[in-house]
Amino acid sequence: MMHCFSGDAAFARQCLDRGAWLSFPGTVTFKPNHALREAFDLTPDDRLLVETDAPYLTPVPLRGKPNASYLLPHTVRFLAERRGADLAEFCGLLDANASALFGDWGRNG
């Protein structure tokens, strides 16, 4: 897993070709971050994760303030919209990916 992925599309392709998962932080929402969004665009659904990297890398609209897990929906919403995905389905995809990579830690049943 490429924690807090901040590379461009070429680096993303190299990582994906080696079996990596890419975890996108709130910086993907920053207007000048075209290269990071291009990397997101080529990341397949089944290799995608989203993270806070708290207390830094706060997403728009709260850029410049301390980051925290409760701000994750800003990044998720932004990426779902960029992908043209239904928000609930996109959240389900991210949940399934986290479980596939890390296991079902803390889940009951």
N, C-alpha and C. Protein backbone atom coordinates (compact mmCIF):
# COMPACT_ATOMS: atom_id res chain seq x y z
N MET A 1 0.85 -1.16 0.00
CA MET A 1 0.00 0.00 0.00
C MET A 1 0.90 1.23 0.00
N MET A 2 0.60 2.14 -0.91
CA MET A 2 1.34 3.39 -0.99
C MET A 2 0.59 4.41 -0.14
N HIS A 3 1.05 4.52 1.11
CA HIS A 3 0.44 5.43 2.08
C HIS A 3 0.57 6.86 1.60
N CYS A 4 -0.52 7.60 1.68
CA CYS A 4 -0.52 9.02 1.36
C CYS A 4 0.08 9.25 -0.03
N PHE A 5 -0.45 8.53 -1.01
CA PHE A 5 0.10 8.60 -2.36
C PHE A 5 0.08 10.04 -2.85
N SER A 6 1.21 10.50 -3.36
CA SER A 6 1.29 11.88 -3.83
C SER A 6 2.02 11.99 -5.17
N GLY A 7 2.11 10.88 -5.87
CA GLY A 7 2.83 10.87 -7.14
C GLY A 7 1.96 11.23 -8.32
N ASP A 8 2.58 11.20 -9.50
CA ASP A 8 1.86 11.49 -10.74
C ASP A 8 1.39 10.18 -11.38
N ALA A 9 0.79 10.29 -12.55
CA ALA A 9 0.24 9.12 -13.23
C ALA A 9 1.32 8.10 -13.58
N ALA A 10 2.50 8.56 -14.00
CA ALA A 10 3.57 7.62 -14.36
C ALA A 10 4.02 6.82 -13.15
N PHE A 11 4.17 7.48 -12.01
CA PHE A 11 4.56 6.76 -10.80
C PHE A 11 3.43 5.84 -10.33
N ALA A 12 2.20 6.30 -10.45
CA ALA A 12 1.05 5.45 -10.10
C ALA A 12 1.06 4.18 -10.93
N ARG A 13 1.31 4.31 -12.22
CA ARG A 13 1.34 3.14 -13.11
C ARG A 13 2.42 2.16 -12.66
N GLN A 14 3.59 2.67 -12.29
CA GLN A 14 4.67 1.80 -11.83
C GLN A 14 4.26 1.06 -10.55
N CYS A 15 3.63 1.78 -9.65
CA CYS A 15 3.18 1.16 -8.39
C CYS A 15 2.12 0.11 -8.65
N LEU A 16 1.13 0.46 -9.47
CA LEU A 16 0.05 -0.48 -9.77
C LEU A 16 0.56 -1.72 -10.49
N ASP A 17 1.52 -1.53 -11.39
CA ASP A 17 2.10 -2.67 -12.12
C ASP A 17 2.83 -3.62 -11.18
N ARG A 18 3.22 -3.14 -10.02
CA ARG A 18 3.90 -3.97 -9.03
C ARG A 18 2.94 -4.49 -7.96
N GLY A 19 1.65 -4.27 -8.16
CA GLY A 19 0.64 -4.81 -7.26
C GLY A 19 0.27 -3.91 -6.09
N ALA A 20 0.70 -2.66 -6.09
CA ALA A 20 0.42 -1.77 -4.96
C ALA A 20 -1.02 -1.27 -4.98
N TRP A 21 -1.49 -0.93 -3.81
CA TRP A 21 -2.74 -0.21 -3.63
C TRP A 21 -2.34 1.26 -3.43
N LEU A 22 -3.16 2.19 -3.94
CA LEU A 22 -2.86 3.60 -3.80
C LEU A 22 -3.88 4.23 -2.85
N SER A 23 -3.37 4.90 -1.83
CA SER A 23 -4.21 5.54 -0.83
C SER A 23 -4.10 7.05 -0.99
N PHE A 24 -5.21 7.68 -1.36
CA PHE A 24 -5.21 9.11 -1.69
C PHE A 24 -5.63 9.95 -0.49
N PRO A 25 -4.83 10.97 -0.17
CA PRO A 25 -5.13 11.89 0.93
C PRO A 25 -5.94 13.09 0.45
N GLY A 26 -6.27 13.97 1.38
CA GLY A 26 -7.05 15.17 1.09
C GLY A 26 -6.41 16.11 0.09
N THR A 27 -5.12 16.01 -0.12
CA THR A 27 -4.45 16.90 -1.07
C THR A 27 -4.94 16.70 -2.50
N VAL A 28 -5.58 15.59 -2.76
CA VAL A 28 -6.13 15.36 -4.10
C VAL A 28 -7.22 16.39 -4.42
N THR A 29 -7.78 17.03 -3.40
CA THR A 29 -8.81 18.05 -3.61
C THR A 29 -8.24 19.43 -3.90
N PHE A 30 -6.94 19.62 -3.73
CA PHE A 30 -6.33 20.94 -3.95
C PHE A 30 -6.35 21.26 -5.45
N LYS A 31 -6.78 22.44 -5.78
CA LYS A 31 -6.94 22.83 -7.19
C LYS A 31 -5.69 22.61 -8.04
N PRO A 32 -4.48 22.95 -7.58
CA PRO A 32 -3.30 22.77 -8.43
C PRO A 32 -2.82 21.32 -8.57
N ASN A 33 -3.43 20.38 -7.89
CA ASN A 33 -2.93 19.00 -7.86
C ASN A 33 -3.44 18.15 -9.03
N HIS A 34 -3.27 18.66 -10.24
CA HIS A 34 -3.74 17.95 -11.44
C HIS A 34 -3.06 16.59 -11.59
N ALA A 35 -1.76 16.53 -11.33
CA ALA A 35 -1.01 15.27 -11.51
C ALA A 35 -1.53 14.18 -10.57
N LEU A 36 -1.88 14.55 -9.35
CA LEU A 36 -2.40 13.57 -8.40
C LEU A 36 -3.78 13.09 -8.84
N ARG A 37 -4.60 13.98 -9.35
CA ARG A 37 -5.92 13.56 -9.85
C ARG A 37 -5.79 12.66 -11.08
N GLU A 38 -4.80 12.91 -11.92
CA GLU A 38 -4.56 12.02 -13.06
C GLU A 38 -4.14 10.64 -12.58
N ALA A 39 -3.36 10.58 -11.52
CA ALA A 39 -2.99 9.28 -10.93
C ALA A 39 -4.24 8.57 -10.40
N PHE A 40 -5.11 9.32 -9.73
CA PHE A 40 -6.37 8.74 -9.25
C PHE A 40 -7.18 8.20 -10.43
N ASP A 41 -7.25 8.95 -11.51
CA ASP A 41 -8.06 8.55 -12.66
C ASP A 41 -7.65 7.20 -13.23
N LEU A 42 -6.39 6.87 -13.17
CA LEU A 42 -5.97 5.59 -13.74
C LEU A 42 -5.93 4.46 -12.71
N THR A 43 -6.22 4.77 -11.47
CA THR A 43 -6.22 3.74 -10.42
C THR A 43 -7.51 2.92 -10.52
N PRO A 44 -7.39 1.61 -10.68
CA PRO A 44 -8.60 0.78 -10.76
C PRO A 44 -9.36 0.79 -9.44
N ASP A 45 -10.65 0.60 -9.53
CA ASP A 45 -11.50 0.59 -8.34
C ASP A 45 -11.00 -0.37 -7.27
N ASP A 46 -10.48 -1.51 -7.67
CA ASP A 46 -10.10 -2.54 -6.69
C ASP A 46 -8.71 -2.31 -6.08
N ARG A 47 -8.05 -1.19 -6.38
CA ARG A 47 -6.75 -0.86 -5.79
C ARG A 47 -6.75 0.49 -5.12
N LEU A 48 -7.93 1.01 -4.83
CA LEU A 48 -8.12 2.37 -4.35
C LEU A 48 -8.44 2.43 -2.86
N LEU A 49 -7.74 3.33 -2.17
CA LEU A 49 -8.02 3.63 -0.77
C LEU A 49 -7.99 5.14 -0.59
N VAL A 50 -8.59 5.61 0.52
CA VAL A 50 -8.60 7.04 0.85
C VAL A 50 -8.24 7.15 2.31
N GLU A 51 -7.49 8.20 2.66
CA GLU A 51 -7.04 8.34 4.04
C GLU A 51 -6.97 9.80 4.48
N THR A 52 -6.79 9.99 5.77
CA THR A 52 -6.70 11.34 6.30
C THR A 52 -5.27 11.82 6.42
N ASP A 53 -4.35 10.96 6.78
CA ASP A 53 -2.98 11.32 7.15
C ASP A 53 -3.01 12.48 8.14
N ALA A 54 -3.90 12.35 9.12
CA ALA A 54 -4.05 13.39 10.15
C ALA A 54 -2.73 13.57 10.88
N PRO A 55 -2.37 14.77 11.29
CA PRO A 55 -3.13 16.02 11.28
C PRO A 55 -2.85 16.91 10.07
N TYR A 56 -2.24 16.38 9.03
CA TYR A 56 -1.89 17.20 7.87
C TYR A 56 -2.69 16.77 6.65
N LEU A 57 -2.55 17.47 5.57
CA LEU A 57 -3.16 17.17 4.27
C LEU A 57 -4.68 17.26 4.30
N THR A 58 -5.17 18.29 4.95
CA THR A 58 -6.59 18.53 5.10
C THR A 58 -7.23 18.84 3.75
N PRO A 59 -8.37 18.22 3.44
CA PRO A 59 -9.02 18.49 2.16
C PRO A 59 -9.69 19.85 2.10
N VAL A 60 -9.91 20.31 0.88
CA VAL A 60 -10.75 21.47 0.64
C VAL A 60 -12.15 21.06 1.10
N PRO A 61 -12.89 21.83 1.81
CA PRO A 61 -12.83 23.26 1.97
C PRO A 61 -12.14 23.73 3.25
N LEU A 62 -11.48 22.82 3.96
CA LEU A 62 -10.86 23.18 5.24
C LEU A 62 -9.34 23.18 5.19
N ARG A 63 -8.80 23.27 3.98
CA ARG A 63 -7.35 23.31 3.80
C ARG A 63 -6.75 24.38 4.70
N GLY A 64 -5.63 24.04 5.35
CA GLY A 64 -4.96 24.97 6.25
C GLY A 64 -5.32 24.77 7.70
N LYS A 65 -6.35 24.01 7.97
CA LYS A 65 -6.74 23.70 9.35
C LYS A 65 -6.27 22.28 9.66
N PRO A 66 -6.20 21.92 10.94
CA PRO A 66 -5.78 20.55 11.29
C PRO A 66 -6.72 19.50 10.70
N ASN A 67 -6.14 18.46 10.19
CA ASN A 67 -6.92 17.36 9.62
C ASN A 67 -7.32 16.38 10.71
N ALA A 68 -8.37 15.63 10.46
CA ALA A 68 -8.83 14.60 11.37
C ALA A 68 -9.71 13.63 10.59
N SER A 69 -9.93 12.47 11.15
CA SER A 69 -10.70 11.43 10.46
C SER A 69 -12.10 11.89 10.07
N TYR A 70 -12.71 12.76 10.86
CA TYR A 70 -14.08 13.18 10.55
C TYR A 70 -14.16 14.01 9.27
N LEU A 71 -13.01 14.44 8.72
CA LEU A 71 -12.99 15.20 7.48
C LEU A 71 -12.86 14.31 6.24
N LEU A 72 -12.67 13.03 6.44
CA LEU A 72 -12.53 12.09 5.33
C LEU A 72 -13.67 12.18 4.32
N PRO A 73 -14.91 12.42 4.74
CA PRO A 73 -15.99 12.52 3.75
C PRO A 73 -15.77 13.59 2.67
N HIS A 74 -15.04 14.64 2.98
CA HIS A 74 -14.77 15.66 1.96
C HIS A 74 -13.96 15.05 0.82
N THR A 75 -12.95 14.27 1.16
CA THR A 75 -12.11 13.64 0.14
C THR A 75 -12.90 12.57 -0.62
N VAL A 76 -13.64 11.77 0.12
CA VAL A 76 -14.42 10.69 -0.51
C VAL A 76 -15.46 11.27 -1.47
N ARG A 77 -16.17 12.28 -1.04
CA ARG A 77 -17.18 12.92 -1.90
C ARG A 77 -16.54 13.48 -3.17
N PHE A 78 -15.41 14.15 -3.01
CA PHE A 78 -14.69 14.73 -4.15
C PHE A 78 -14.33 13.64 -5.16
N LEU A 79 -13.78 12.53 -4.67
CA LEU A 79 -13.34 11.47 -5.56
C LEU A 79 -14.51 10.74 -6.21
N ALA A 80 -15.58 10.53 -5.46
CA ALA A 80 -16.77 9.89 -6.03
C ALA A 80 -17.33 10.75 -7.17
N GLU A 81 -17.39 12.05 -6.94
CA GLU A 81 -17.88 12.96 -7.98
C GLU A 81 -16.96 12.94 -9.19
N ARG A 82 -15.67 12.93 -8.96
CA ARG A 82 -14.72 12.91 -10.07
C ARG A 82 -14.90 11.64 -10.90
N ARG A 83 -15.18 10.54 -10.24
CA ARG A 83 -15.35 9.27 -10.92
C ARG A 83 -16.75 9.11 -11.49
N GLY A 84 -17.66 10.01 -11.12
CA GLY A 84 -19.04 9.87 -11.57
C GLY A 84 -19.74 8.71 -10.91
N ALA A 85 -19.32 8.39 -9.69
CA ALA A 85 -19.85 7.23 -8.97
C ALA A 85 -20.91 7.67 -7.97
N ASP A 86 -21.83 6.78 -7.71
CA ASP A 86 -22.80 6.96 -6.64
C ASP A 86 -22.03 6.97 -5.32
N LEU A 87 -22.30 7.94 -4.47
CA LEU A 87 -21.53 8.09 -3.23
C LEU A 87 -21.63 6.85 -2.35
N ALA A 88 -22.81 6.30 -2.15
CA ALA A 88 -22.97 5.12 -1.30
C ALA A 88 -22.21 3.92 -1.88
N GLU A 89 -22.29 3.75 -3.18
CA GLU A 89 -21.56 2.64 -3.81
C GLU A 89 -20.05 2.85 -3.71
N PHE A 90 -19.61 4.08 -3.86
CA PHE A 90 -18.18 4.39 -3.75
C PHE A 90 -17.69 4.10 -2.33
N CYS A 91 -18.48 4.47 -1.33
CA CYS A 91 -18.13 4.17 0.06
C CYS A 91 -18.05 2.67 0.28
N GLY A 92 -18.99 1.93 -0.29
CA GLY A 92 -18.95 0.47 -0.18
C GLY A 92 -17.70 -0.12 -0.82
N LEU A 93 -17.31 0.44 -1.95
CA LEU A 93 -16.09 0.01 -2.63
C LEU A 93 -14.87 0.25 -1.75
N LEU A 94 -14.77 1.43 -1.15
CA LEU A 94 -13.64 1.74 -0.28
C LEU A 94 -13.62 0.83 0.94
N ASP A 95 -14.77 0.56 1.50
CA ASP A 95 -14.87 -0.35 2.65
C ASP A 95 -14.41 -1.76 2.27
N ALA A 96 -14.87 -2.23 1.13
CA ALA A 96 -14.47 -3.56 0.67
C ALA A 96 -12.96 -3.63 0.41
N ASN A 97 -12.40 -2.57 -0.16
CA ASN A 97 -10.96 -2.54 -0.43
C ASN A 97 -10.16 -2.56 0.87
N ALA A 98 -10.57 -1.77 1.84
CA ALA A 98 -9.86 -1.76 3.13
C ALA A 98 -9.93 -3.13 3.78
N SER A 99 -11.08 -3.78 3.70
CA SER A 99 -11.21 -5.12 4.28
C SER A 99 -10.36 -6.13 3.52
N ALA A 100 -10.32 -6.01 2.21
CA ALA A 100 -9.52 -6.94 1.41
C ALA A 100 -8.04 -6.79 1.72
N LEU A 101 -7.58 -5.57 1.93
CA LEU A 101 -6.16 -5.34 2.20
C LEU A 101 -5.79 -5.61 3.65
N PHE A 102 -6.59 -5.12 4.57
CA PHE A 102 -6.24 -5.17 5.99
C PHE A 102 -6.98 -6.24 6.78
N GLY A 103 -7.98 -6.86 6.20
CA GLY A 103 -8.81 -7.82 6.93
C GLY A 103 -9.99 -7.12 7.57
N ASP A 104 -10.85 -7.87 8.18
CA ASP A 104 -12.06 -7.33 8.80
C ASP A 104 -11.85 -7.05 10.28
N TRP A 105 -10.80 -6.32 10.61
CA TRP A 105 -10.48 -6.02 12.00
C TRP A 105 -11.64 -5.31 12.67
N GLY A 106 -12.00 -5.77 13.83
CA GLY A 106 -12.99 -5.09 14.64
C GLY A 106 -14.42 -5.29 14.20
N ARG A 107 -14.65 -6.08 13.19
CA ARG A 107 -16.03 -6.32 12.75
C ARG A 107 -16.62 -7.49 13.52
N ASN A 108 -17.86 -7.36 13.84
CA ASN A 108 -18.57 -8.45 14.54
C ASN A 108 -19.26 -9.31 13.51
N GLY A 109 -19.24 -10.60 13.76
CA GLY A 109 -20.00 -11.53 12.93
C GLY A 109 -19.27 -11.96 11.74
